[in-house]
Every structure is written in C-alpha cells, then in structure tokens.
Amino acid sequence: MSTAEQDAQAFADLFRETYLRFHRRDGKRTEMSGASRAVLHHLSQTGPLTVGDIALHLDRAQSVVSDIVTQLESKGVLERERDPEDRRRTLVWLSPEGFDVLRADRDVLSVVALADSFAQLRPGDRAVLLTTLSQLIRTEQNHDH
C-alpha cells in the first residue's frame, strides 16, 4: 500500500511527463508583443475603455497605445465602439476573436494534443481525471501553509 508521500511523488513524475508531452510548441505565446498582451489583459479585466484610459493605466504614450490598438483592430482582435453614455467618446473592446486569442495565449498545454489523447479515453475516465484534479486543486487552496 502506498503512502501519501509516495503517491505525491508518483503524481509529480506523471505531471512532469504530462507537461513534457503536451506543452505548447506552436510559438503562439510569442506571436503577440508584451505591449499587445498587456492591452488585451487589461481590457479583459476592466471592460471597454478609451485609448487614453488604457495609456494611463499602462503608463504609455497615448500615441503608442493608439498604434497598438490599431494593429490589434486590423487583426480582428479589438473593436472600437461609440460610448453609449457619451457618443463623442470611442471605446475599445475585445472582439470574440480577441477573447479566443487571449484564452489561447494563456494556455500552457496544447489543447489540440490533449483533445486527441482525451478522445482515446472513455468518457467516464475523462470525468474521473478532471474531477480528481479539481478536487486536488481545491484541497491545496484550502491547505494552511
């Protein structure tokens, strides 16, 4: 019978192997500049803002942020819309594509590679894996250090 420490070591070994097998190798994390990433992350936290508000938060020149927003808008990641409360102001917001790009940028593991492997598991086994990992994470969050 194994101890919690032996099981923890086995899990650590499996986690390392899982990371090595499924980590992203597509380079998408580096496709976006740090400044572009900062704009998207900030908007995802705040909601629609003006270019001036974004520049103020990021401590960048408004012209620099405007150029970043224009570039991201041309890629379909951001959209400009009139402020419903003040039609003279233009707000910047993530497009549906922008939300997808931001989510994919946060992924450490390749969801495509995982999905291929998950497809080979029985649905019940997938459910047990996901439930158990969720329980493990909740246990650690409640653990007093």
Protein backbone atom coordinates (compact mmCIF):
# COMPACT_ATOMS: atom_id res chain seq x y z
CA MET A 1 0.00 0.00 0.00
CA SER A 2 1.41 3.39 -0.94
CA THR A 3 1.76 6.37 1.33
CA ALA A 4 0.56 9.88 0.55
CA GLU A 5 4.21 10.88 0.02
CA GLN A 6 4.78 8.05 -2.49
CA ASP A 7 1.57 8.96 -4.31
CA ALA A 8 2.63 12.62 -4.33
CA GLN A 9 5.97 11.68 -5.90
CA ALA A 10 4.21 9.50 -8.48
CA PHE A 11 1.90 12.38 -9.32
CA ALA A 12 4.85 14.79 -9.60
CA ASP A 13 6.54 12.38 -12.02
CA LEU A 14 3.36 12.00 -14.06
CA PHE A 15 2.80 15.76 -14.07
CA ARG A 16 6.32 16.33 -15.44
CA GLU A 17 5.70 13.71 -18.14
CA THR A 18 2.32 15.26 -18.93
CA TYR A 19 3.88 18.70 -19.29
CA LEU A 20 6.68 17.38 -21.50
CA ARG A 21 4.19 15.51 -23.69
CA PHE A 22 1.53 18.20 -24.01
CA HIS A 23 3.20 21.61 -23.60
CA ARG A 24 2.59 24.08 -26.39
CA ARG A 25 5.15 24.04 -29.14
CA ASP A 26 3.33 26.27 -31.59
CA GLY A 27 5.03 29.51 -30.65
CA LYS A 28 1.72 31.33 -30.22
CA ARG A 29 2.78 32.70 -26.86
CA THR A 30 5.50 34.73 -28.57
CA GLU A 31 3.42 35.86 -31.55
CA MET A 32 1.99 38.75 -29.58
CA SER A 33 4.18 41.53 -28.21
CA GLY A 34 4.23 42.17 -24.50
CA ALA A 35 2.53 45.54 -25.05
CA SER A 36 -0.27 43.96 -27.10
CA ARG A 37 -0.71 41.26 -24.47
CA ALA A 38 -0.85 43.94 -21.74
CA VAL A 39 -3.60 45.82 -23.62
CA LEU A 40 -5.69 42.67 -24.08
CA HIS A 41 -5.25 41.52 -20.49
CA HIS A 42 -6.13 44.94 -19.12
CA LEU A 43 -9.28 45.17 -21.24
CA SER A 44 -10.31 41.65 -20.19
CA GLN A 45 -10.19 42.83 -16.57
CA THR A 46 -11.82 46.24 -16.97
CA GLY A 47 -14.24 46.09 -19.86
CA PRO A 48 -14.38 48.67 -22.67
CA LEU A 49 -12.07 51.69 -22.24
CA THR A 50 -10.84 54.64 -24.23
CA VAL A 51 -7.33 54.58 -25.68
CA GLY A 52 -6.46 57.33 -23.20
CA ASP A 53 -7.61 55.24 -20.24
CA ILE A 54 -5.53 52.28 -21.44
CA ALA A 55 -2.48 54.52 -21.95
CA LEU A 56 -2.87 55.96 -18.47
CA HIS A 57 -3.08 52.52 -16.88
CA LEU A 58 -0.12 51.12 -18.83
CA ASP A 59 1.91 54.32 -18.36
CA ARG A 60 2.50 54.62 -22.10
CA ALA A 61 2.07 57.49 -24.51
CA GLN A 62 -1.43 57.68 -25.94
CA SER A 63 0.00 57.62 -29.48
CA VAL A 64 1.84 54.35 -28.74
CA VAL A 65 -1.30 52.72 -27.32
CA SER A 66 -3.32 54.04 -30.26
CA ASP A 67 -0.88 52.34 -32.66
CA ILE A 68 -1.13 49.07 -30.69
CA VAL A 69 -4.94 49.26 -30.70
CA THR A 70 -5.00 49.99 -34.44
CA GLN A 71 -2.73 46.99 -35.10
CA LEU A 72 -4.88 44.69 -32.92
CA GLU A 73 -8.04 46.05 -34.55
CA SER A 74 -6.63 45.27 -38.03
CA LYS A 75 -6.09 41.67 -36.85
CA GLY A 76 -9.72 41.50 -35.71
CA VAL A 77 -8.78 41.16 -32.05
CA LEU A 78 -10.16 44.52 -30.88
CA GLU A 79 -13.16 46.58 -31.91
CA ARG A 80 -13.95 50.26 -31.48
CA GLU A 81 -17.43 51.32 -30.46
CA ARG A 82 -19.11 54.57 -29.51
CA ASP A 83 -19.58 55.12 -25.79
CA PRO A 84 -23.35 54.79 -25.25
CA GLU A 85 -23.15 57.40 -22.47
CA ASP A 86 -21.09 59.92 -24.45
CA ARG A 87 -21.29 59.50 -28.24
CA ARG A 88 -18.18 61.71 -28.65
CA ARG A 89 -16.01 59.06 -26.98
CA THR A 90 -14.82 55.86 -28.62
CA LEU A 91 -14.30 52.76 -26.53
CA VAL A 92 -12.02 49.85 -27.31
CA TRP A 93 -13.17 46.32 -26.53
CA LEU A 94 -12.17 42.75 -27.24
CA SER A 95 -13.84 41.13 -30.22
CA PRO A 96 -14.99 37.50 -29.94
CA GLU A 97 -11.72 36.63 -31.73
CA GLY A 98 -9.86 38.70 -29.12
CA PHE A 99 -11.30 36.64 -26.30
CA ASP A 100 -10.21 33.47 -28.15
CA VAL A 101 -6.69 34.84 -28.71
CA LEU A 102 -6.39 35.82 -25.06
CA ARG A 103 -7.60 32.42 -23.85
CA ALA A 104 -5.22 30.59 -26.20
CA ASP A 105 -2.36 32.83 -25.12
CA ARG A 106 -2.92 31.75 -21.52
CA ASP A 107 -2.84 28.04 -22.37
CA VAL A 108 0.35 26.31 -21.25
CA LEU A 109 -0.65 22.94 -22.66
CA SER A 110 -1.72 22.20 -26.21
CA VAL A 111 -5.49 21.75 -26.07
CA VAL A 112 -5.37 20.14 -29.53
CA ALA A 113 -2.85 17.49 -28.43
CA LEU A 114 -4.76 16.89 -25.21
CA ALA A 115 -8.05 16.54 -27.10
CA ASP A 116 -6.50 13.89 -29.36
CA SER A 117 -5.43 11.89 -26.32
CA PHE A 118 -8.66 12.55 -24.40
CA ALA A 119 -10.60 11.18 -27.39
CA GLN A 120 -8.88 7.84 -26.79
CA LEU A 121 -10.10 7.68 -23.17
CA ARG A 122 -13.54 6.53 -22.11
CA PRO A 123 -15.82 9.45 -21.16
CA GLY A 124 -16.08 8.10 -17.61
CA ASP A 125 -12.29 8.00 -17.27
CA ARG A 126 -12.04 11.60 -18.53
CA ALA A 127 -14.65 12.66 -15.97
CA VAL A 128 -12.77 10.93 -13.13
CA LEU A 129 -9.48 12.56 -14.19
CA LEU A 130 -11.00 16.05 -14.35
CA THR A 131 -12.97 15.64 -11.12
CA THR A 132 -9.98 14.30 -9.22
CA LEU A 133 -7.65 17.06 -10.44
CA SER A 134 -10.28 19.64 -9.48
CA GLN A 135 -10.50 18.11 -6.02
CA LEU A 136 -6.71 18.12 -5.69
CA ILE A 137 -6.57 21.82 -6.57
CA ARG A 138 -9.38 22.69 -4.13
CA THR A 139 -7.60 20.72 -1.39
CA GLU A 140 -4.39 22.72 -1.91
CA GLN A 141 -6.33 26.02 -1.92
CA ASN A 142 -7.80 25.14 1.47
CA HIS A 143 -4.49 23.89 2.87
CA ASP A 144 -2.85 26.02 5.58
CA HIS A 145 0.81 26.56 4.77
